[in-house]
């Protein structure tokens, strides 16, 4: 089932115009290798929701991967709501966000502090 936000702001299926400026989102930029872009918040505690979604989409089309660092973490529901602005998100038996924490007696390796295969 599609979320209401998914129909409002779908990710464009075609790249944006080539004239997109890298300075469209405030922050510090660094190219990653072999591809990608690191965008660090200017101020610790910046809210990721203040970044223009259309500009982030343009950066993704250009760099293929955007790492966002230094932004305030969102609570589970706020994270799910933000992700829904990008498009349809899947809901699993645990919901839309899996909170990975170490358990004393885990049922699978995802909840241990050991290596994940």
C-alpha atoms as a PDB file:
ATOM      1  CA  UNK A   1       0.000   0.000   0.000  1.00  0.00           C
ATOM      2  CA  UNK A   2       1.402   3.397  -0.963  1.00  0.00           C
ATOM      3  CA  UNK A   3       1.712   6.056   1.681  1.00  0.00           C
ATOM      4  CA  UNK A   4      -0.030   9.381   0.953  1.00  0.00           C
ATOM      5  CA  UNK A   5       3.352  11.148   0.858  1.00  0.00           C
ATOM      6  CA  UNK A   6       4.635   8.728  -1.772  1.00  0.00           C
ATOM      7  CA  UNK A   7       2.187  10.067  -4.316  1.00  0.00           C
ATOM      8  CA  UNK A   8       3.014  13.695  -3.491  1.00  0.00           C
ATOM      9  CA  UNK A   9       6.793  13.665  -3.960  1.00  0.00           C
ATOM     10  CA  UNK A  10       7.924  10.769  -6.138  1.00  0.00           C
ATOM     11  CA  UNK A  11      11.600  10.584  -7.070  1.00  0.00           C
ATOM     12  CA  UNK A  12      11.921  11.750 -10.675  1.00  0.00           C
ATOM     13  CA  UNK A  13      12.466   8.935 -13.166  1.00  0.00           C
ATOM     14  CA  UNK A  14      14.585  11.120 -15.419  1.00  0.00           C
ATOM     15  CA  UNK A  15      17.640  13.169 -14.501  1.00  0.00           C
ATOM     16  CA  UNK A  16      17.225  16.875 -13.759  1.00  0.00           C
ATOM     17  CA  UNK A  17      18.692  19.586 -16.012  1.00  0.00           C
ATOM     18  CA  UNK A  18      22.505  19.610 -16.115  1.00  0.00           C
ATOM     19  CA  UNK A  19      22.639  23.151 -14.733  1.00  0.00           C
ATOM     20  CA  UNK A  20      22.074  21.930 -11.164  1.00  0.00           C
ATOM     21  CA  UNK A  21      24.408  23.689  -8.728  1.00  0.00           C
ATOM     22  CA  UNK A  22      26.105  21.711  -5.960  1.00  0.00           C
ATOM     23  CA  UNK A  23      25.453  24.581  -3.541  1.00  0.00           C
ATOM     24  CA  UNK A  24      21.699  23.983  -3.563  1.00  0.00           C
ATOM     25  CA  UNK A  25      21.784  22.379  -0.091  1.00  0.00           C
ATOM     26  CA  UNK A  26      23.678  24.093   2.747  1.00  0.00           C
ATOM     27  CA  UNK A  27      26.621  22.114   4.084  1.00  0.00           C
ATOM     28  CA  UNK A  28      30.161  20.988   3.330  1.00  0.00           C
ATOM     29  CA  UNK A  29      30.638  18.780   0.280  1.00  0.00           C
ATOM     30  CA  UNK A  30      33.340  16.212  -0.508  1.00  0.00           C
ATOM     31  CA  UNK A  31      33.452  13.863  -3.481  1.00  0.00           C
ATOM     32  CA  UNK A  32      33.710  10.164  -2.624  1.00  0.00           C
ATOM     33  CA  UNK A  33      35.564   7.534  -4.631  1.00  0.00           C
ATOM     34  CA  UNK A  34      34.761   5.735  -6.884  1.00  0.00           C
ATOM     35  CA  UNK A  35      31.445   7.606  -6.832  1.00  0.00           C
ATOM     36  CA  UNK A  36      29.231   9.512  -4.451  1.00  0.00           C
ATOM     37  CA  UNK A  37      29.158  12.696  -2.450  1.00  0.00           C
ATOM     38  CA  UNK A  38      29.462  13.420   1.272  1.00  0.00           C
ATOM     39  CA  UNK A  39      27.245  16.238   2.533  1.00  0.00           C
ATOM     40  CA  UNK A  40      28.061  17.286   6.099  1.00  0.00           C
ATOM     41  CA  UNK A  41      25.754  19.600   8.028  1.00  0.00           C
ATOM     42  CA  UNK A  42      27.128  23.086   8.690  1.00  0.00           C
ATOM     43  CA  UNK A  43      25.850  22.940  12.265  1.00  0.00           C
ATOM     44  CA  UNK A  44      25.624  19.843  14.413  1.00  0.00           C
ATOM     45  CA  UNK A  45      22.001  19.166  15.066  1.00  0.00           C
ATOM     46  CA  UNK A  46      20.803  20.433  11.693  1.00  0.00           C
ATOM     47  CA  UNK A  47      17.482  18.946  10.633  1.00  0.00           C
ATOM     48  CA  UNK A  48      17.671  16.790   7.507  1.00  0.00           C
ATOM     49  CA  UNK A  49      14.063  17.696   6.741  1.00  0.00           C
ATOM     50  CA  UNK A  50      15.185  21.268   6.021  1.00  0.00           C
ATOM     51  CA  UNK A  51      17.161  20.122   2.960  1.00  0.00           C
ATOM     52  CA  UNK A  52      15.219  20.627  -0.252  1.00  0.00           C
ATOM     53  CA  UNK A  53      14.114  17.226  -1.504  1.00  0.00           C
ATOM     54  CA  UNK A  54      14.262  18.310  -5.146  1.00  0.00           C
ATOM     55  CA  UNK A  55      17.884  19.398  -4.734  1.00  0.00           C
ATOM     56  CA  UNK A  56      18.845  16.148  -2.996  1.00  0.00           C
ATOM     57  CA  UNK A  57      17.253  14.232  -5.875  1.00  0.00           C
ATOM     58  CA  UNK A  58      19.347  16.247  -8.327  1.00  0.00           C
ATOM     59  CA  UNK A  59      22.518  15.422  -6.381  1.00  0.00           C
ATOM     60  CA  UNK A  60      21.606  11.732  -6.327  1.00  0.00           C
ATOM     61  CA  UNK A  61      21.147  11.730 -10.105  1.00  0.00           C
ATOM     62  CA  UNK A  62      24.561  13.337 -10.511  1.00  0.00           C
ATOM     63  CA  UNK A  63      26.598  11.449  -7.861  1.00  0.00           C
ATOM     64  CA  UNK A  64      24.517   8.245  -7.476  1.00  0.00           C
ATOM     65  CA  UNK A  65      25.114   8.088  -3.693  1.00  0.00           C
ATOM     66  CA  UNK A  66      24.771  10.839  -1.097  1.00  0.00           C
ATOM     67  CA  UNK A  67      26.085  10.360   2.447  1.00  0.00           C
ATOM     68  CA  UNK A  68      24.414  12.779   4.857  1.00  0.00           C
ATOM     69  CA  UNK A  69      26.453  13.311   8.026  1.00  0.00           C
ATOM     70  CA  UNK A  70      26.088  15.500  11.104  1.00  0.00           C
ATOM     71  CA  UNK A  71      22.330  15.857  11.061  1.00  0.00           C
ATOM     72  CA  UNK A  72      20.137  15.319  14.112  1.00  0.00           C
ATOM     73  CA  UNK A  73      18.814  11.773  14.346  1.00  0.00           C
ATOM     74  CA  UNK A  74      15.091  11.462  13.794  1.00  0.00           C
ATOM     75  CA  UNK A  75      12.783   9.495  16.047  1.00  0.00           C
ATOM     76  CA  UNK A  76      11.389   6.326  14.492  1.00  0.00           C
ATOM     77  CA  UNK A  77       8.061   7.793  13.349  1.00  0.00           C
ATOM     78  CA  UNK A  78       9.658  11.017  12.080  1.00  0.00           C
ATOM     79  CA  UNK A  79      12.238   8.974  10.123  1.00  0.00           C
ATOM     80  CA  UNK A  80       9.501   6.886   8.551  1.00  0.00           C
ATOM     81  CA  UNK A  81       7.522  10.022   7.652  1.00  0.00           C
ATOM     82  CA  UNK A  82      10.624  11.646   6.121  1.00  0.00           C
ATOM     83  CA  UNK A  83      11.448   8.557   4.065  1.00  0.00           C
ATOM     84  CA  UNK A  84       7.872   8.488   2.768  1.00  0.00           C
ATOM     85  CA  UNK A  85       8.448  11.923   1.205  1.00  0.00           C
ATOM     86  CA  UNK A  86      10.989  10.221  -1.096  1.00  0.00           C
ATOM     87  CA  UNK A  87       8.523   7.619  -2.290  1.00  0.00           C
ATOM     88  CA  UNK A  88       6.842   4.391  -1.299  1.00  0.00           C
ATOM     89  CA  UNK A  89       8.395   2.593   1.674  1.00  0.00           C
ATOM     90  CA  UNK A  90       7.892  -1.017   2.659  1.00  0.00           C
ATOM     91  CA  UNK A  91       6.287  -2.014   5.917  1.00  0.00           C
ATOM     92  CA  UNK A  92       7.510  -5.256   7.492  1.00  0.00           C
ATOM     93  CA  UNK A  93       6.209  -7.219  10.468  1.00  0.00           C
ATOM     94  CA  UNK A  94       8.288  -4.898  12.700  1.00  0.00           C
ATOM     95  CA  UNK A  95       7.098  -1.734  10.906  1.00  0.00           C
ATOM     96  CA  UNK A  96       8.978   0.572   8.550  1.00  0.00           C
ATOM     97  CA  UNK A  97      12.077   1.050  10.739  1.00  0.00           C
ATOM     98  CA  UNK A  98      14.088  -1.768  12.301  1.00  0.00           C
ATOM     99  CA  UNK A  99      15.846  -0.627  15.465  1.00  0.00           C
ATOM    100  CA  UNK A 100      18.958  -2.801  15.713  1.00  0.00           C
ATOM    101  CA  UNK A 101      20.021  -3.219  19.335  1.00  0.00           C
ATOM    102  CA  UNK A 102      22.140  -5.967  20.886  1.00  0.00           C
ATOM    103  CA  UNK A 103      20.109  -8.589  22.777  1.00  0.00           C
ATOM    104  CA  UNK A 104      21.393 -10.908  25.527  1.00  0.00           C
ATOM    105  CA  UNK A 105      19.796 -13.964  23.886  1.00  0.00           C
ATOM    106  CA  UNK A 106      19.254 -12.982  20.241  1.00  0.00           C
ATOM    107  CA  UNK A 107      17.148 -15.059  17.870  1.00  0.00           C
ATOM    108  CA  UNK A 108      19.429 -14.205  14.935  1.00  0.00           C
ATOM    109  CA  UNK A 109      22.838 -12.684  14.200  1.00  0.00           C
ATOM    110  CA  UNK A 110      21.455  -9.204  13.467  1.00  0.00           C
ATOM    111  CA  UNK A 111      20.928  -8.589  17.169  1.00  0.00           C
ATOM    112  CA  UNK A 112      24.387  -9.705  18.359  1.00  0.00           C
ATOM    113  CA  UNK A 113      27.580  -7.716  18.690  1.00  0.00           C
ATOM    114  CA  UNK A 114      29.384 -10.232  16.444  1.00  0.00           C
ATOM    115  CA  UNK A 115      30.155 -10.128  12.743  1.00  0.00           C
ATOM    116  CA  UNK A 116      27.311 -10.246  10.243  1.00  0.00           C
ATOM    117  CA  UNK A 117      27.957 -12.603   7.321  1.00  0.00           C
END
